[in-house]
Amino acid sequence: MVDPSPPPLRVLVVDDSRAIQAIIARVLQDAGLGPMVVETAGNGEQALRMVAAQPPDLVISDWHMPVVSGIEMLQTLRQLGGGTVKVGFVTTETAERHLDQARSNGAVFVINKPFKDEDLLHEVQKALAARVEQLRAPPPPPPPPAAPAALESEGALNALVKLQLGQIPFRLVPAPGQLLDELKLPHDLAMYALDGQKAPFALGILDVNACCILGGGGARLQPPPVRLAMQAGKPTPEMMHFADHFLRSAAGILARAEGGGGAPALRIVNLVPKPFDKLQGLLERNRGRSDYRIAVPGYGEGRLAFIRC
């Protein structure tokens, strides 16, 4: 399981004096800012390697160091695209032109040595305010469990549609949680039950467009009569024959009941001209749903849904 809590603060202290490294680390760790990892580097070259490996939330750097100075490190960071890494200076450098150079390269603060702990902490708190707030915020609630599917898999549905349409190209697009009024009337409504049982196990719904598409495709019709039936909202008897055949075949890809209980089979299929309350209730409260849009070039787009009762 992925941990939803934010990672701890990461601060990199860059100074060629181990004593200064230890002092700054102590100030940070005693500040009560939340979980924090403080790392250290002895010069700008070492710091650049560490930032490249894992960018910290804040770099606190000296100015005058061997190999690569603090300002050279900051300029290199900006040149390499590290513009989001915050850098502040704790330094003996006091020349205003140099300090302006640091600020123009994006330094978030400049504090002179020797420094007061509260001054450093004040600047660090400003620089890390957003991350500290993130750490102090309550963790987000876990996501709700994924609703179970009514079908074995999307692949099984794809295979069934391909068998229905033959060489006619199509595209299935998941449409989770589609509303009843998105399923254009009339609906071809199928009721499935388990062997030896009368209570509904699942429902299958093809809206009028899906009836024309799957029925017209099953009959290998050219696009014009299919589009005409969709525009009129009246699938032909031939289309309905093949749409009903598709729903009958879909019994074989319904997700099975827990603990067995026999295989589902089509019991009733009817063209329903108007919505009814029970169907709306099942769309909202059910044991599993699988919702899709189907698109066929030249035909158009329709919607279908399968619901575990």
Protein backbone atom coordinates (compact mmCIF):
# COMPACT_ATOMS: atom_id res chain seq x y z
CA MET A 1 0.00 0.00 0.00
CA VAL A 2 1.31 3.48 -0.88
CA ASP A 3 1.91 5.70 2.18
CA PRO A 4 -0.24 8.83 1.69
CA SER A 5 1.74 10.87 4.26
CA PRO A 6 4.13 13.51 2.81
CA PRO A 7 7.88 12.77 2.92
CA PRO A 8 9.97 14.45 5.66
CA LEU A 9 11.65 17.80 5.07
CA ARG A 10 15.09 17.51 3.50
CA VAL A 11 17.64 20.25 4.16
CA LEU A 12 21.18 20.24 2.79
CA VAL A 13 23.76 22.27 4.76
CA VAL A 14 26.80 23.20 2.65
CA ASP A 15 29.84 24.55 4.52
CA ASP A 16 33.52 23.65 4.71
CA SER A 17 33.36 24.04 8.49
CA ARG A 18 32.07 20.99 10.31
CA ALA A 19 31.38 23.18 13.33
CA ILE A 20 29.05 25.44 11.31
CA GLN A 21 27.38 22.36 9.80
CA ALA A 22 26.68 21.04 13.31
CA ILE A 23 25.37 24.39 14.61
CA ILE A 24 22.95 24.85 11.71
CA ALA A 25 21.80 21.22 11.94
CA ARG A 26 21.09 21.66 15.67
CA VAL A 27 19.04 24.83 15.07
CA LEU A 28 16.96 23.04 12.43
CA GLN A 29 16.40 19.87 14.41
CA ASP A 30 15.42 21.77 17.58
CA ALA A 31 12.93 23.99 15.74
CA GLY A 32 10.01 21.57 15.80
CA LEU A 33 9.26 21.97 12.10
CA GLY A 34 8.25 18.34 11.74
CA PRO A 35 10.01 15.24 10.42
CA MET A 36 13.31 16.38 8.91
CA VAL A 37 16.44 14.91 7.36
CA VAL A 38 19.50 17.17 7.52
CA GLU A 39 22.38 16.31 5.20
CA THR A 40 25.75 18.03 4.88
CA ALA A 41 28.28 18.76 2.15
CA GLY A 42 31.76 20.31 2.39
CA ASN A 43 31.70 22.31 -0.83
CA GLY A 44 29.52 23.29 -3.78
CA GLU A 45 30.70 20.45 -6.02
CA GLN A 46 29.66 17.81 -3.51
CA ALA A 47 26.36 19.64 -2.96
CA LEU A 48 25.56 19.66 -6.69
CA ARG A 49 25.96 15.88 -6.83
CA MET A 50 23.69 15.42 -3.82
CA VAL A 51 21.03 17.77 -5.20
CA ALA A 52 21.07 15.92 -8.53
CA ALA A 53 20.59 12.58 -6.74
CA GLN A 54 17.72 13.81 -4.53
CA PRO A 55 16.62 17.47 -4.59
CA PRO A 56 16.15 18.83 -1.03
CA ASP A 57 13.49 21.28 0.10
CA LEU A 58 16.18 23.80 1.07
CA VAL A 59 19.93 24.28 0.65
CA ILE A 60 21.67 26.42 3.28
CA SER A 61 25.11 27.29 1.94
CA ASP A 62 28.27 29.12 2.84
CA TRP A 63 29.68 31.47 0.17
CA HIS A 64 33.47 30.97 0.35
CA MET A 65 34.37 27.28 -0.03
CA PRO A 66 37.07 25.33 -1.87
CA VAL A 67 36.52 23.69 -5.28
CA VAL A 68 33.09 25.26 -6.00
CA SER A 69 31.88 28.30 -4.05
CA GLY A 70 28.33 28.85 -2.87
CA ILE A 71 27.46 31.38 -5.57
CA GLU A 72 28.96 29.12 -8.27
CA MET A 73 26.87 26.27 -6.95
CA LEU A 74 23.70 28.42 -7.07
CA GLN A 75 24.42 29.62 -10.62
CA THR A 76 25.11 26.06 -11.78
CA LEU A 77 21.84 24.88 -10.24
CA ARG A 78 19.92 27.52 -12.16
CA GLN A 79 21.75 26.73 -15.41
CA LEU A 80 20.96 23.02 -15.02
CA GLY A 81 17.27 23.68 -14.51
CA GLY A 82 17.19 23.40 -10.73
CA GLY A 83 15.09 26.53 -10.41
CA THR A 84 12.71 24.96 -7.89
CA VAL A 85 15.43 24.17 -5.34
CA LYS A 86 15.45 26.89 -2.67
CA VAL A 87 18.88 28.16 -1.66
CA GLY A 88 19.76 30.46 1.25
CA PHE A 89 23.18 31.73 2.37
CA VAL A 90 24.81 31.86 5.79
CA THR A 91 28.08 33.63 5.07
CA THR A 92 30.79 36.09 6.10
CA GLU A 93 30.39 37.79 2.70
CA THR A 94 29.12 41.36 3.16
CA ALA A 95 29.85 43.08 -0.16
CA GLU A 96 26.53 44.41 -1.37
CA ARG A 97 27.29 43.65 -5.04
CA HIS A 98 27.91 40.02 -4.15
CA LEU A 99 24.75 39.80 -2.06
CA ASP A 100 22.77 41.36 -4.91
CA GLN A 101 24.27 38.70 -7.19
CA ALA A 102 22.94 35.99 -4.86
CA ARG A 103 19.46 37.51 -4.77
CA SER A 104 19.36 37.97 -8.55
CA ASN A 105 20.10 34.24 -8.88
CA GLY A 106 17.14 33.40 -6.65
CA ALA A 107 18.61 33.14 -3.15
CA VAL A 108 15.70 33.12 -0.68
CA PHE A 109 17.75 34.67 2.14
CA VAL A 110 21.25 35.87 3.07
CA ILE A 111 22.34 35.85 6.74
CA ASN A 112 25.75 37.00 7.91
CA LYS A 113 27.99 35.05 10.26
CA PRO A 114 28.00 35.09 13.22
CA PHE A 115 24.24 34.66 13.25
CA LYS A 116 21.52 34.39 15.86
CA ASP A 117 19.62 31.13 15.98
CA GLU A 118 16.26 32.93 15.86
CA ASP A 119 17.27 34.87 12.72
CA LEU A 120 18.20 31.68 10.89
CA LEU A 121 15.06 29.92 12.09
CA HIS A 122 12.88 32.85 10.97
CA GLU A 123 14.26 32.68 7.41
CA VAL A 124 14.07 28.88 7.27
CA GLN A 125 10.44 28.93 8.42
CA LYS A 126 9.54 31.40 5.66
CA ALA A 127 11.35 29.34 3.03
CA LEU A 128 9.72 26.09 4.13
CA ALA A 129 6.28 27.44 5.11
CA ALA A 130 4.34 25.51 2.46
CA ARG A 131 6.07 22.21 3.21
CA VAL A 132 5.72 22.64 6.97
CA GLU A 133 1.99 23.26 6.52
CA GLN A 134 1.79 20.12 4.40
CA LEU A 135 3.46 18.07 7.13
CA ARG A 136 1.16 19.47 9.83
CA ALA A 137 -2.02 18.93 7.84
CA PRO A 138 -4.00 15.79 8.68
CA PRO A 139 -3.32 12.97 6.24
CA PRO A 140 -5.87 12.64 3.45
CA PRO A 141 -8.50 9.96 3.96
CA PRO A 142 -7.77 6.71 2.15
CA PRO A 143 -9.44 6.44 -1.24
CA PRO A 144 -12.68 4.47 -1.23
CA PRO A 145 -12.30 0.88 -2.38
CA ALA A 146 -12.81 0.42 -6.09
CA ALA A 147 -16.30 -0.67 -6.96
CA PRO A 148 -16.42 -4.27 -8.13
CA ALA A 149 -17.03 -4.88 -11.81
CA ALA A 150 -20.09 -6.64 -13.17
CA LEU A 151 -18.09 -8.23 -16.01
CA GLU A 152 -15.14 -10.58 -15.87
CA SER A 153 -12.88 -8.04 -17.57
CA GLU A 154 -12.71 -5.34 -20.19
CA GLY A 155 -10.83 -7.78 -22.39
CA ALA A 156 -13.74 -10.23 -22.28
CA LEU A 157 -16.14 -7.49 -23.35
CA ASN A 158 -13.81 -6.44 -26.17
CA ALA A 159 -13.68 -10.01 -27.41
CA LEU A 160 -17.47 -10.31 -27.32
CA VAL A 161 -17.97 -7.04 -29.23
CA LYS A 162 -15.39 -8.13 -31.81
CA LEU A 163 -17.24 -11.41 -32.26
CA GLN A 164 -20.48 -9.44 -32.73
CA LEU A 165 -19.08 -6.90 -35.22
CA GLY A 166 -16.65 -9.09 -37.15
CA GLN A 167 -14.29 -6.90 -39.19
CA ILE A 168 -16.07 -3.63 -38.33
CA PRO A 169 -13.64 -1.46 -36.31
CA PHE A 170 -14.82 -0.20 -32.92
CA ARG A 171 -13.56 1.42 -29.74
CA LEU A 172 -14.71 0.72 -26.19
CA VAL A 173 -14.16 3.49 -23.63
CA PRO A 174 -14.79 2.94 -19.90
CA ALA A 175 -17.50 5.34 -18.64
CA PRO A 176 -17.67 4.67 -14.89
CA GLY A 177 -20.69 5.98 -13.05
CA GLN A 178 -22.64 7.07 -16.11
CA LEU A 179 -26.09 8.39 -15.26
CA LEU A 180 -29.41 6.96 -16.36
CA ASP A 181 -30.22 10.03 -18.47
CA GLU A 182 -26.96 9.50 -20.38
CA LEU A 183 -28.32 6.17 -21.63
CA LYS A 184 -30.57 7.28 -24.48
CA LEU A 185 -34.06 5.80 -24.51
CA PRO A 186 -35.37 3.32 -25.38
CA HIS A 187 -33.13 0.79 -23.57
CA ASP A 188 -32.70 -2.83 -24.50
CA LEU A 189 -32.85 -4.24 -20.98
CA ALA A 190 -31.75 -7.79 -20.18
CA MET A 191 -32.27 -9.63 -16.90
CA TYR A 192 -29.92 -12.49 -15.99
CA ALA A 193 -30.46 -15.12 -13.29
CA LEU A 194 -28.39 -18.00 -11.97
CA ASP A 195 -29.31 -21.56 -12.84
CA GLY A 196 -32.20 -22.70 -10.71
CA GLN A 197 -32.93 -19.25 -9.28
CA LYS A 198 -35.62 -16.69 -10.09
CA ALA A 199 -34.14 -13.62 -8.41
CA PRO A 200 -32.23 -11.30 -10.77
CA PHE A 201 -28.46 -11.78 -10.69
CA ALA A 202 -27.54 -8.96 -13.09
CA LEU A 203 -28.94 -6.52 -15.63
CA GLY A 204 -27.57 -5.56 -19.02
CA ILE A 205 -28.50 -2.24 -20.67
CA LEU A 206 -27.93 -1.12 -24.24
CA ASP A 207 -29.12 2.40 -24.96
CA VAL A 208 -30.88 2.98 -28.28
CA ASN A 209 -27.64 3.97 -30.01
CA ALA A 210 -25.83 0.87 -28.74
CA CYS A 211 -28.79 -1.25 -29.96
CA CYS A 212 -28.40 0.22 -33.45
CA ILE A 213 -24.61 -0.10 -33.42
CA LEU A 214 -24.35 -3.65 -32.08
CA GLY A 215 -27.51 -4.77 -33.90
CA GLY A 216 -26.57 -3.09 -37.17
CA GLY A 217 -23.00 -4.34 -36.90
CA GLY A 218 -24.19 -7.86 -36.14
CA ALA A 219 -26.29 -7.68 -39.34
CA ARG A 220 -23.28 -6.22 -41.21
CA LEU A 221 -25.30 -3.17 -42.28
CA GLN A 222 -23.77 -0.18 -44.00
CA PRO A 223 -23.55 3.06 -41.96
CA PRO A 224 -26.50 5.01 -43.52
CA PRO A 225 -29.35 2.79 -42.20
CA VAL A 226 -27.66 2.55 -38.81
CA ARG A 227 -27.32 6.33 -38.51
CA LEU A 228 -30.92 6.77 -39.70
CA ALA A 229 -32.20 4.40 -36.98
CA MET A 230 -30.11 6.20 -34.36
CA GLN A 231 -31.45 9.60 -35.39
CA ALA A 232 -35.03 8.29 -35.25
CA GLY A 233 -34.44 6.46 -31.97
CA LYS A 234 -36.01 3.33 -33.49
CA PRO A 235 -33.82 0.27 -34.10
CA THR A 236 -35.25 -2.03 -36.77
CA PRO A 237 -36.45 -5.56 -35.91
CA GLU A 238 -33.27 -6.91 -37.51
CA MET A 239 -31.12 -4.69 -35.35
CA MET A 240 -33.04 -5.74 -32.24
CA HIS A 241 -32.56 -9.41 -33.13
CA PHE A 242 -28.80 -9.00 -33.14
CA ALA A 243 -28.78 -6.65 -30.11
CA ASP A 244 -30.71 -9.28 -28.13
CA HIS A 245 -28.22 -11.90 -29.33
CA PHE A 246 -25.36 -9.78 -27.98
CA LEU A 247 -27.04 -9.47 -24.58
CA ARG A 248 -27.68 -13.21 -24.50
CA SER A 249 -24.00 -13.89 -25.23
CA ALA A 250 -22.96 -11.41 -22.50
CA ALA A 251 -24.20 -13.86 -19.86
CA GLY A 252 -20.96 -15.75 -20.40
CA ILE A 253 -18.74 -12.82 -19.36
CA LEU A 254 -20.62 -11.72 -16.23
CA ALA A 255 -18.54 -11.89 -13.06
CA ARG A 256 -19.58 -14.98 -11.17
CA ALA A 257 -21.21 -14.93 -7.76
CA GLU A 258 -19.04 -15.49 -4.69
CA GLY A 259 -19.16 -19.09 -3.61
CA GLY A 260 -20.50 -20.45 -6.89
CA GLY A 261 -24.25 -20.75 -7.31
CA GLY A 262 -24.42 -21.77 -10.95
CA ALA A 263 -23.85 -19.96 -14.22
CA PRO A 264 -25.83 -16.82 -15.13
CA ALA A 265 -28.14 -16.99 -18.12
CA LEU A 266 -30.45 -14.54 -19.89
CA ARG A 267 -34.02 -14.79 -18.61
CA ILE A 268 -35.78 -11.77 -20.13
CA VAL A 269 -34.86 -9.11 -22.66
CA ASN A 270 -37.18 -6.23 -23.57
CA LEU A 271 -37.02 -2.85 -25.25
CA VAL A 272 -37.98 -0.44 -22.46
CA PRO A 273 -39.40 2.89 -23.72
CA LYS A 274 -39.14 4.88 -20.47
CA PRO A 275 -36.98 4.88 -17.31
CA PHE A 276 -38.25 3.35 -14.10
CA ASP A 277 -37.34 3.96 -10.47
CA LYS A 278 -35.92 0.52 -9.74
CA LEU A 279 -33.34 0.85 -12.51
CA GLN A 280 -32.24 4.23 -11.14
CA GLY A 281 -31.88 2.67 -7.70
CA LEU A 282 -29.76 -0.19 -9.06
CA LEU A 283 -27.46 2.26 -10.82
CA GLU A 284 -26.82 3.92 -7.46
CA ARG A 285 -26.79 0.86 -5.17
CA ASN A 286 -25.52 -2.42 -6.56
CA ARG A 287 -22.96 -5.17 -6.11
CA GLY A 288 -20.91 -4.16 -9.13
CA ARG A 289 -21.05 -2.13 -12.34
CA SER A 290 -19.33 -2.07 -15.71
CA ASP A 291 -20.07 1.00 -17.85
CA TYR A 292 -18.78 1.70 -21.36
CA ARG A 293 -19.18 3.86 -24.41
CA ILE A 294 -18.88 2.16 -27.79
CA ALA A 295 -17.87 4.07 -30.92
CA VAL A 296 -17.86 2.72 -34.49
CA PRO A 297 -16.58 4.88 -37.37
CA GLY A 298 -19.47 5.76 -39.68
CA TYR A 299 -22.10 4.53 -37.22
CA GLY A 300 -21.66 6.78 -34.19
CA GLU A 301 -21.48 6.29 -30.43
CA GLY A 302 -23.66 4.48 -27.91
CA ARG A 303 -23.58 3.44 -24.26
CA LEU A 304 -23.95 0.16 -22.44
CA ALA A 305 -23.91 -0.92 -18.81
CA PHE A 306 -23.98 -4.14 -16.82
CA ILE A 307 -25.11 -4.14 -13.18
CA ARG A 308 -24.82 -6.84 -10.51
CA CYS A 309 -28.08 -6.87 -8.50
